[in-house]
Amino acid sequence: MPNIVAIVGRPNVGKSTLFNRLTETRDAVVDPTSGVTRDRHYGKAEWTGWEFSVIDTGGYTVNSEDVFEEEIKKQVELAIEECSSIIFLNDVTTGITDHDEAIAALLRKSDKPILTVANKVDTNDRIVQASEFYSYGLGEVYCVSAANGGGTGDLLDALVATFPEKIQEPEDDIPKISVVGKPNVGKSSFINALLGKERNIVTDQAGTTRDSVFTRYNAYGFDFNLVDTAGIRKRSKVHEDIEFYSVLRSVRSIENSDVCILILDATEGIQKQDLNIFNMIEKNGKGVVILVNKWDLVEKDTNSTKVYEDKIRDRIAPFNDVPIVFTSALTKQRIHKAIEEALSVYDRLKTRIPTSKLNEVFQPIFEFRQPPAYKGKYIRIKYLMQLPTSKVAFAFYCNLPQYIKEPYRRFLENQFRENFNLEGIPIMIFFRKK
């Protein structure tokens, strides 16, 4: 079961800073002005062998006190509903405010693990001030400084202790395919077109996790599990069209699948939210097929498809070696082509390249172009091998791995894509010292 952690709290308590600290990135914009985070941020984190997703729940616009309170309420309710564990972040320098109290009141009704965290504890005297947060009655208070990392180790120890024990789920060879995308792009229409009236060809079976429901599809020569269709069938609650909800739903669907079909609206083109979901898929190392839906609504000439496809590949670069299918769920145009592509991507996910073959291909490339020297130090890659993981990952062994920069990593990724058939597969590259 995927572990999803939401960071909740009122604006300007340091959610984005903590997000960056936990994910070891600088993805979230940090600014002392409250309400700076306009987009949800999603990242992967790892601690003592536990891998989990982190969502920064900032991003609401503060227009008035009423809107503010309503938005906070939505954020926390969704976090309670969808996440595995919640970090309730507070600012020790301001103490408890009315908005903090309102969030705490909502959290008390939850049965999800909640960690109350006092941020900005940069000095010992602030540890004493942090004791104020025990008055929430939500248990232990963890003192951290997201800015310099102080206390985050203890927080992470406590956080991973809230995750359920890892259960080895029974593996089967049936691909798990999810249909993801922002609201109103036609996910439900696509699935309904796929399942159609042939409801007798699908059988519902309880997922191996409490959150996922897999629908077995076995017809027309296809045999796979559709992931997380429960949410589509129920059309649950008023949260359906809330962007945050779609992000959380996407996270769960992506993490439970092997291949994701990302649906875009042809009339809108590829939007920022589409890119966010695409990046989630890539970060999780899942296969991906892009489906451009509502193609029947676009005025076309002989070059339309190529021009549109080029625009998409330009936006998703550098990982643009992805199958793109133009379809219309309404007219059922090419919907089975999308499934064919998804199953081909699934087969490629199991790609295993012998070490001898890899080195045969890459040794001439190393001779032609080694990584650029750094401060007069020459980097020499000696050999590479594929890692025995469920994702397609390779390790390059060299003398100074710490000096290899992102452009060279991309160069190597491009070489993989030129020499091996890895369309639709995110490639993970690691550099190790030898």
Protein backbone atom coordinates (compact mmCIF):
# COMPACT_ATOMS: atom_id res chain seq x y z
CA MET A 1 0.00 0.00 0.00
CA PRO A 2 1.45 3.41 -0.86
CA ASN A 3 2.24 5.64 2.09
CA ILE A 4 1.13 9.20 1.45
CA VAL A 5 2.00 11.96 3.91
CA ALA A 6 0.28 15.35 3.80
CA ILE A 7 1.74 18.44 5.40
CA VAL A 8 -1.15 20.57 6.65
CA GLY A 9 -1.16 23.90 8.42
CA ARG A 10 -2.10 27.49 7.92
CA PRO A 11 -0.01 29.61 5.50
CA ASN A 12 3.49 30.73 6.38
CA VAL A 13 4.28 28.07 8.98
CA GLY A 14 6.98 26.58 6.73
CA LYS A 15 5.18 23.80 4.87
CA SER A 16 7.14 24.32 1.65
CA THR A 17 10.45 24.45 3.51
CA LEU A 18 9.65 21.17 5.29
CA PHE A 19 8.51 19.66 1.98
CA ASN A 20 11.86 20.56 0.40
CA ARG A 21 13.70 19.18 3.41
CA LEU A 22 11.86 15.82 3.36
CA THR A 23 12.10 15.35 -0.41
CA GLU A 24 15.64 16.75 -0.56
CA THR A 25 14.62 19.05 -3.41
CA ARG A 26 13.96 22.70 -3.97
CA ASP A 27 10.72 22.09 -5.85
CA ALA A 28 8.50 24.18 -3.61
CA VAL A 29 8.92 27.92 -3.68
CA VAL A 30 9.78 29.28 -0.27
CA ASP A 31 8.84 32.84 0.53
CA PRO A 32 7.99 34.60 3.78
CA THR A 33 4.82 35.98 2.19
CA SER A 34 1.87 33.83 3.16
CA GLY A 35 -0.05 32.01 0.43
CA VAL A 36 2.88 31.86 -1.97
CA THR A 37 2.39 28.20 -2.78
CA ARG A 38 -0.20 28.28 -5.53
CA ASP A 39 0.27 24.73 -6.75
CA ARG A 40 0.23 21.49 -4.88
CA HIS A 41 3.66 19.97 -4.62
CA TYR A 42 4.23 16.28 -4.72
CA GLY A 43 7.49 14.48 -4.05
CA LYS A 44 9.05 11.23 -3.03
CA ALA A 45 10.97 10.76 0.19
CA GLU A 46 12.87 7.89 1.74
CA TRP A 47 13.87 7.16 5.30
CA THR A 48 15.43 3.99 6.73
CA GLY A 49 14.22 1.91 3.78
CA TRP A 50 10.70 3.32 3.75
CA GLU A 51 9.68 5.11 0.59
CA PHE A 52 6.72 7.46 0.78
CA SER A 53 4.99 10.32 -1.02
CA VAL A 54 4.85 13.81 0.44
CA ILE A 55 2.23 16.39 -0.47
CA ASP A 56 2.54 20.04 0.41
CA THR A 57 -1.05 21.20 0.84
CA GLY A 58 -0.35 24.89 0.40
CA GLY A 59 -1.76 26.78 -2.51
CA TYR A 60 -5.05 28.38 -1.67
CA THR A 61 -5.73 32.00 -2.41
CA VAL A 62 -6.56 34.11 0.59
CA ASN A 63 -9.16 36.63 -0.36
CA SER A 64 -11.09 36.92 2.83
CA GLU A 65 -11.31 35.40 6.26
CA ASP A 66 -14.31 33.30 5.24
CA VAL A 67 -12.61 31.90 2.14
CA PHE A 68 -9.51 31.24 4.15
CA GLU A 69 -11.31 29.17 6.75
CA GLU A 70 -13.33 27.29 4.18
CA GLU A 71 -10.21 26.41 2.17
CA ILE A 72 -8.35 25.24 5.23
CA LYS A 73 -11.28 23.05 6.12
CA LYS A 74 -11.31 21.47 2.66
CA GLN A 75 -7.57 20.87 2.72
CA VAL A 76 -7.61 19.13 6.06
CA GLU A 77 -10.69 17.07 5.32
CA LEU A 78 -9.15 15.83 2.08
CA ALA A 79 -5.86 15.09 3.80
CA ILE A 80 -7.68 13.10 6.46
CA GLU A 81 -9.63 11.21 3.84
CA GLU A 82 -6.86 10.37 1.42
CA CYS A 83 -3.50 10.33 3.20
CA SER A 84 -1.88 7.65 5.30
CA SER A 85 -0.33 10.02 7.82
CA ILE A 86 -0.58 13.74 8.48
CA ILE A 87 2.04 16.22 9.62
CA PHE A 88 0.30 19.11 11.37
CA LEU A 89 2.79 21.95 11.11
CA ASN A 90 2.84 24.91 13.50
CA ASP A 91 4.97 28.01 13.86
CA VAL A 92 6.59 28.20 17.28
CA THR A 93 7.29 31.93 16.88
CA THR A 94 3.62 32.85 16.63
CA GLY A 95 2.17 30.24 18.94
CA ILE A 96 -1.37 28.95 18.52
CA THR A 97 -3.72 31.04 16.41
CA ASP A 98 -7.45 30.64 15.76
CA HIS A 99 -6.71 28.97 12.43
CA ASP A 100 -4.42 26.45 14.10
CA GLU A 101 -7.21 25.68 16.58
CA ALA A 102 -9.65 25.16 13.71
CA ILE A 103 -7.30 22.70 12.02
CA ALA A 104 -6.68 20.85 15.28
CA ALA A 105 -10.43 20.52 15.83
CA LEU A 106 -10.79 18.79 12.46
CA LEU A 107 -7.80 16.55 13.05
CA ARG A 108 -9.17 15.35 16.42
CA LYS A 109 -12.07 13.73 14.55
CA SER A 110 -9.68 11.66 12.44
CA ASP A 111 -8.38 8.18 13.14
CA LYS A 112 -5.33 8.74 10.89
CA PRO A 113 -1.89 9.06 12.53
CA ILE A 114 -1.18 12.74 13.20
CA LEU A 115 2.19 14.19 14.11
CA THR A 116 2.06 17.63 15.66
CA VAL A 117 5.19 19.51 14.69
CA ALA A 118 6.54 22.80 15.97
CA ASN A 119 8.60 24.42 13.24
CA LYS A 120 11.23 27.16 13.45
CA VAL A 121 12.69 25.74 16.67
CA ASP A 122 16.16 27.07 15.95
CA THR A 123 17.24 27.68 19.53
CA ASN A 124 16.88 25.81 22.81
CA ASP A 125 14.59 28.41 24.39
CA ARG A 126 12.04 27.77 21.64
CA ILE A 127 11.79 24.15 22.73
CA VAL A 128 10.11 25.44 25.88
CA GLN A 129 7.71 27.56 23.81
CA ALA A 130 6.80 24.49 21.74
CA SER A 131 5.24 22.84 24.78
CA GLU A 132 2.24 25.08 24.11
CA PHE A 133 1.20 22.76 21.27
CA TYR A 134 0.54 19.89 23.70
CA SER A 135 -2.71 21.72 24.48
CA TYR A 136 -4.17 20.38 21.20
CA GLY A 137 -4.36 16.98 22.84
CA LEU A 138 -2.94 15.33 19.70
CA GLY A 139 -0.05 13.61 21.43
CA GLU A 140 3.69 14.12 21.17
CA VAL A 141 5.00 17.42 19.80
CA TYR A 142 8.08 17.22 17.55
CA CYS A 143 10.39 20.23 17.44
CA VAL A 144 12.08 20.84 14.11
CA SER A 145 13.77 23.54 12.14
CA ALA A 146 12.85 22.86 8.53
CA ALA A 147 15.28 25.56 7.46
CA ASN A 148 18.40 23.85 8.86
CA GLY A 149 17.13 20.29 9.26
CA GLY A 150 17.29 20.19 13.06
CA GLY A 151 14.97 17.60 14.57
CA THR A 152 13.82 16.17 11.25
CA GLY A 153 15.51 12.83 11.96
CA ASP A 154 13.37 12.25 15.06
CA LEU A 155 10.28 13.38 13.16
CA LEU A 156 10.99 10.93 10.32
CA ASP A 157 11.60 8.09 12.80
CA ALA A 158 8.17 8.78 14.31
CA LEU A 159 6.58 9.17 10.90
CA VAL A 160 7.73 5.84 9.44
CA ALA A 161 6.64 4.15 12.69
CA THR A 162 3.05 5.10 11.78
CA PHE A 163 3.22 3.22 8.47
CA PRO A 164 1.66 -0.24 8.38
CA GLU A 165 4.02 -3.18 8.25
CA LYS A 166 5.19 -4.02 4.77
CA ILE A 167 3.16 -6.92 3.47
CA GLN A 168 4.47 -8.89 0.56
CA GLU A 169 1.52 -8.76 -1.78
CA PRO A 170 0.99 -11.74 -4.02
CA GLU A 171 2.36 -10.98 -7.45
CA ASP A 172 0.56 -11.94 -10.58
CA ASP A 173 1.48 -11.38 -14.18
CA ILE A 174 -1.59 -9.33 -14.99
CA PRO A 175 -0.70 -5.72 -15.83
CA LYS A 176 -2.19 -3.02 -13.61
CA ILE A 177 -3.19 0.00 -15.69
CA SER A 178 -4.53 3.25 -14.29
CA VAL A 179 -6.30 6.07 -16.10
CA VAL A 180 -5.23 9.44 -14.73
CA GLY A 181 -5.61 13.08 -15.66
CA LYS A 182 -7.02 16.33 -14.40
CA PRO A 183 -10.78 16.71 -14.00
CA ASN A 184 -13.07 16.80 -17.03
CA VAL A 185 -10.61 15.48 -19.59
CA GLY A 186 -12.73 12.40 -20.18
CA LYS A 187 -11.36 9.71 -17.84
CA SER A 188 -14.81 8.34 -17.04
CA SER A 189 -15.88 8.51 -20.69
CA PHE A 190 -12.79 6.60 -21.75
CA ILE A 191 -13.37 3.86 -19.19
CA ASN A 192 -17.05 3.65 -19.99
CA ALA A 193 -16.22 3.44 -23.69
CA LEU A 194 -13.74 0.69 -22.91
CA LEU A 195 -16.08 -1.27 -20.66
CA GLY A 196 -19.14 -0.25 -22.66
CA LYS A 197 -22.22 -2.38 -22.18
CA GLU A 198 -20.13 -5.47 -21.85
CA ARG A 199 -20.31 -5.36 -18.11
CA ASN A 200 -20.33 -9.13 -18.01
CA ILE A 201 -16.75 -9.19 -19.25
CA VAL A 202 -15.46 -7.49 -16.12
CA THR A 203 -15.37 -8.83 -12.62
CA ASP A 204 -14.78 -6.72 -9.56
CA GLN A 205 -12.33 -8.03 -7.08
CA ALA A 206 -11.19 -6.54 -3.85
CA GLY A 207 -7.77 -5.01 -4.18
CA THR A 208 -4.92 -6.31 -2.16
CA THR A 209 -4.83 -2.96 -0.39
CA ARG A 210 -7.63 -1.25 1.39
CA ASP A 211 -7.61 1.68 -1.00
CA SER A 212 -7.51 0.14 -4.42
CA VAL A 213 -10.08 -1.73 -6.34
CA PHE A 214 -8.95 -3.56 -9.41
CA THR A 215 -11.37 -4.26 -12.22
CA ARG A 216 -10.31 -7.23 -14.28
CA TYR A 217 -10.75 -6.64 -18.00
CA ASN A 218 -10.57 -9.73 -20.11
CA ALA A 219 -11.93 -9.29 -23.61
CA TYR A 220 -10.89 -8.70 -27.22
CA GLY A 221 -7.56 -10.34 -26.51
CA PHE A 222 -6.71 -7.99 -23.63
CA ASP A 223 -6.25 -9.13 -20.05
CA PHE A 224 -5.37 -6.55 -17.41
CA ASN A 225 -6.51 -4.88 -14.21
CA LEU A 226 -7.88 -1.34 -14.28
CA VAL A 227 -6.74 0.39 -11.09
CA ASP A 228 -8.82 2.53 -8.77
CA THR A 229 -12.05 2.67 -10.67
CA ALA A 230 -13.97 2.81 -7.40
CA GLY A 231 -13.71 6.58 -7.38
CA ILE A 232 -15.05 6.76 -10.90
CA ARG A 233 -18.04 4.57 -10.17
CA LYS A 234 -19.01 6.33 -6.98
CA ARG A 235 -18.51 9.88 -8.22
CA SER A 236 -18.04 10.45 -4.57
CA LYS A 237 -18.98 13.58 -2.76
CA VAL A 238 -18.45 17.15 -3.69
CA HIS A 239 -14.68 16.78 -3.83
CA GLU A 240 -14.72 15.29 -7.31
CA ASP A 241 -13.75 18.45 -9.13
CA ILE A 242 -11.36 19.85 -6.59
CA GLU A 243 -7.87 20.01 -8.00
CA PHE A 244 -6.28 18.83 -4.76
CA TYR A 245 -8.54 15.82 -4.73
CA SER A 246 -7.53 14.95 -8.28
CA VAL A 247 -3.87 15.13 -7.28
CA LEU A 248 -4.40 12.80 -4.32
CA ARG A 249 -6.43 10.40 -6.41
CA SER A 250 -3.74 10.45 -9.08
CA VAL A 251 -1.04 9.67 -6.55
CA ARG A 252 -2.89 6.62 -5.30
CA SER A 253 -3.71 5.39 -8.81
CA ILE A 254 -0.17 5.90 -10.06
CA GLU A 255 1.46 4.16 -7.13
CA ASN A 256 -0.82 1.14 -7.48
CA SER A 257 -0.26 0.66 -11.20
CA ASP A 258 2.38 -0.58 -13.59
CA VAL A 259 1.42 1.66 -16.50
CA CYS A 260 -0.53 4.94 -16.47
CA ILE A 261 -2.68 6.23 -19.28
CA LEU A 262 -2.51 10.01 -18.94
CA ILE A 263 -5.49 11.63 -20.62
CA LEU A 264 -5.28 15.17 -22.03
CA ASP A 265 -8.07 17.32 -23.41
CA ALA A 266 -7.31 17.97 -27.09
CA THR A 267 -9.27 21.22 -27.01
CA GLU A 268 -7.05 22.61 -24.22
CA GLY A 269 -3.62 21.24 -25.12
CA ILE A 270 -1.17 20.12 -22.47
CA GLN A 271 -1.60 22.21 -19.32
CA LYS A 272 0.49 22.71 -16.21
CA GLN A 273 -1.61 20.31 -14.18
CA ASP A 274 -1.15 17.65 -16.88
CA LEU A 275 2.62 18.14 -16.55
CA ASN A 276 2.39 17.78 -12.76
CA ILE A 277 0.70 14.41 -13.14
CA PHE A 278 3.19 13.38 -15.85
CA ASN A 279 6.04 14.23 -13.47
CA MET A 280 4.41 12.15 -10.73
CA ILE A 281 4.35 9.17 -13.08
CA GLU A 282 8.01 9.68 -13.99
CA LYS A 283 9.09 10.09 -10.36
CA ASN A 284 7.38 6.81 -9.52
CA GLY A 285 9.13 5.02 -12.38
CA LYS A 286 5.85 3.89 -13.94
CA GLY A 287 5.25 3.34 -17.64
CA VAL A 288 3.17 5.98 -19.40
CA VAL A 289 1.02 6.41 -22.48
CA ILE A 290 -0.42 9.82 -23.34
CA LEU A 291 -3.95 9.82 -24.67
CA VAL A 292 -5.19 12.96 -26.41
CA ASN A 293 -8.95 12.74 -25.93
CA LYS A 294 -11.70 14.76 -27.69
CA TRP A 295 -9.67 14.68 -30.92
CA ASP A 296 -12.96 14.73 -32.83
CA LEU A 297 -13.58 18.27 -31.57
CA VAL A 298 -10.37 19.71 -33.04
CA GLU A 299 -10.28 21.25 -36.51
CA LYS A 300 -7.64 19.38 -38.43
CA ASP A 301 -5.54 19.44 -41.56
CA THR A 302 -2.97 16.96 -42.80
CA ASN A 303 -0.28 18.11 -40.37
CA SER A 304 -2.41 18.59 -37.26
CA THR A 305 -1.45 15.34 -35.56
CA LYS A 306 2.27 15.85 -36.04
CA VAL A 307 2.19 19.49 -34.95
CA TYR A 308 0.15 18.63 -31.85
CA GLU A 309 2.41 15.69 -31.02
CA ASP A 310 5.53 17.83 -31.37
CA LYS A 311 4.09 20.39 -28.96
CA ILE A 312 3.43 17.70 -26.37
CA ARG A 313 6.91 16.21 -26.73
CA ASP A 314 8.41 19.66 -26.40
CA ARG A 315 6.55 20.28 -23.13
CA ILE A 316 7.39 16.91 -21.53
CA ALA A 317 11.09 16.97 -22.51
CA PRO A 318 13.55 15.51 -21.67
CA PHE A 319 11.42 12.38 -21.10
CA ASN A 320 9.59 12.67 -24.41
CA ASP A 321 10.05 9.14 -25.71
CA VAL A 322 6.42 8.34 -24.89
CA PRO A 323 3.63 6.78 -26.99
CA ILE A 324 0.96 9.37 -27.88
CA VAL A 325 -2.46 8.22 -29.08
CA PHE A 326 -5.15 10.53 -30.45
CA THR A 327 -8.57 9.34 -29.55
CA SER A 328 -12.20 10.19 -28.93
CA ALA A 329 -13.90 8.37 -26.12
CA LEU A 330 -17.21 9.62 -27.49
CA THR A 331 -16.80 7.91 -30.84
CA LYS A 332 -14.61 5.12 -29.41
CA GLN A 333 -11.95 6.04 -31.94
CA ARG A 334 -8.68 4.21 -31.23
CA ILE A 335 -9.53 3.36 -27.62
CA HIS A 336 -8.17 -0.16 -28.06
CA LYS A 337 -5.02 1.29 -29.60
CA ALA A 338 -4.40 2.99 -26.25
CA ILE A 339 -4.64 -0.33 -24.43
CA GLU A 340 -2.34 -1.98 -26.95
CA GLU A 341 0.25 0.72 -26.33
CA ALA A 342 -0.14 0.43 -22.55
CA LEU A 343 0.42 -3.34 -22.70
CA SER A 344 3.47 -2.85 -24.93
CA VAL A 345 4.87 -0.40 -22.38
CA TYR A 346 4.19 -2.98 -19.65
CA ASP A 347 6.22 -5.56 -21.58
CA ARG A 348 9.07 -3.06 -21.92
CA LEU A 349 9.00 -2.41 -18.17
CA LYS A 350 10.33 -5.94 -17.75
CA THR A 351 13.32 -5.16 -19.97
CA ARG A 352 16.48 -6.77 -18.67
CA ILE A 353 19.70 -5.98 -20.55
CA PRO A 354 22.74 -8.17 -19.88
CA THR A 355 25.74 -6.36 -18.41
CA SER A 356 27.92 -7.53 -21.33
CA LYS A 357 25.50 -5.99 -23.84
CA LEU A 358 25.33 -2.72 -21.93
CA ASN A 359 29.09 -2.35 -21.82
CA GLU A 360 29.46 -3.36 -25.45
CA VAL A 361 27.15 -0.46 -26.38
CA PHE A 362 28.43 2.11 -23.89
CA GLN A 363 32.23 1.62 -23.94
CA PRO A 364 32.55 3.32 -27.35
CA ILE A 365 30.28 6.11 -26.04
CA PHE A 366 32.55 6.60 -23.00
CA GLU A 367 35.59 6.75 -25.29
CA PHE A 368 33.85 9.37 -27.40
CA ARG A 369 32.56 11.45 -24.52
CA GLN A 370 33.44 11.17 -20.85
CA PRO A 371 31.85 13.52 -18.27
CA PRO A 372 33.36 17.03 -18.28
CA ALA A 373 36.25 17.56 -15.88
CA TYR A 374 35.39 19.38 -12.65
CA LYS A 375 37.94 21.72 -11.07
CA GLY A 376 40.73 19.98 -12.97
CA LYS A 377 39.62 16.51 -11.90
CA TYR A 378 38.90 14.00 -14.64
CA ILE A 379 35.97 11.65 -14.28
CA ARG A 380 36.24 8.18 -15.74
CA ILE A 381 33.28 5.86 -16.03
CA LYS A 382 34.49 2.26 -15.96
CA TYR A 383 31.40 0.15 -16.52
CA LEU A 384 27.66 -0.04 -15.92
CA MET A 385 25.04 -2.61 -15.06
CA GLN A 386 21.27 -2.79 -14.71
CA LEU A 387 20.02 -2.87 -11.14
CA PRO A 388 17.80 -5.75 -10.02
CA THR A 389 14.80 -3.56 -9.20
CA SER A 390 11.19 -3.49 -10.35
CA LYS A 391 11.94 -0.21 -12.14
CA VAL A 392 14.28 0.20 -15.08
CA ALA A 393 17.42 1.48 -13.36
CA PHE A 394 21.12 1.46 -14.21
CA ALA A 395 24.25 2.11 -12.16
CA PHE A 396 27.37 3.65 -13.67
CA TYR A 397 30.59 2.96 -11.74
CA CYS A 398 33.22 5.68 -11.86
CA ASN A 399 36.00 7.35 -9.85
CA LEU A 400 34.25 10.64 -8.93
CA PRO A 401 30.46 10.15 -9.12
CA GLN A 402 29.75 13.30 -7.09
CA TYR A 403 31.02 15.54 -9.90
CA ILE A 404 28.74 14.26 -12.65
CA LYS A 405 26.13 16.86 -13.53
CA GLU A 406 22.58 16.69 -14.84
CA PRO A 407 23.40 17.38 -18.54
CA TYR A 408 25.64 14.32 -18.72
CA ARG A 409 22.97 12.19 -17.02
CA ARG A 410 20.52 13.30 -19.70
CA PHE A 411 23.08 12.52 -22.39
CA LEU A 412 23.34 8.96 -21.07
CA GLU A 413 19.56 8.64 -20.90
CA ASN A 414 19.33 9.70 -24.54
CA GLN A 415 21.90 7.07 -25.43
CA PHE A 416 19.74 4.42 -23.76
CA ARG A 417 16.73 5.55 -25.76
CA GLU A 418 18.69 5.55 -29.04
CA ASN A 419 20.13 2.09 -28.51
CA PHE A 420 17.32 0.22 -26.73
CA ASN A 421 13.56 0.14 -27.08
CA LEU A 422 12.44 1.87 -23.87
CA GLU A 423 9.55 3.97 -25.19
CA GLY A 424 7.23 5.07 -22.40
CA ILE A 425 9.59 3.89 -19.66
CA PRO A 426 11.22 6.31 -17.17
CA ILE A 427 14.90 5.45 -16.82
CA MET A 428 16.65 5.83 -13.47
CA ILE A 429 20.38 6.43 -13.58
CA PHE A 430 22.70 6.25 -10.59
CA PHE A 431 26.41 6.96 -10.31
CA ARG A 432 28.44 4.94 -7.86
CA LYS A 433 32.06 5.06 -6.79
CA LYS A 434 34.39 2.37 -7.97
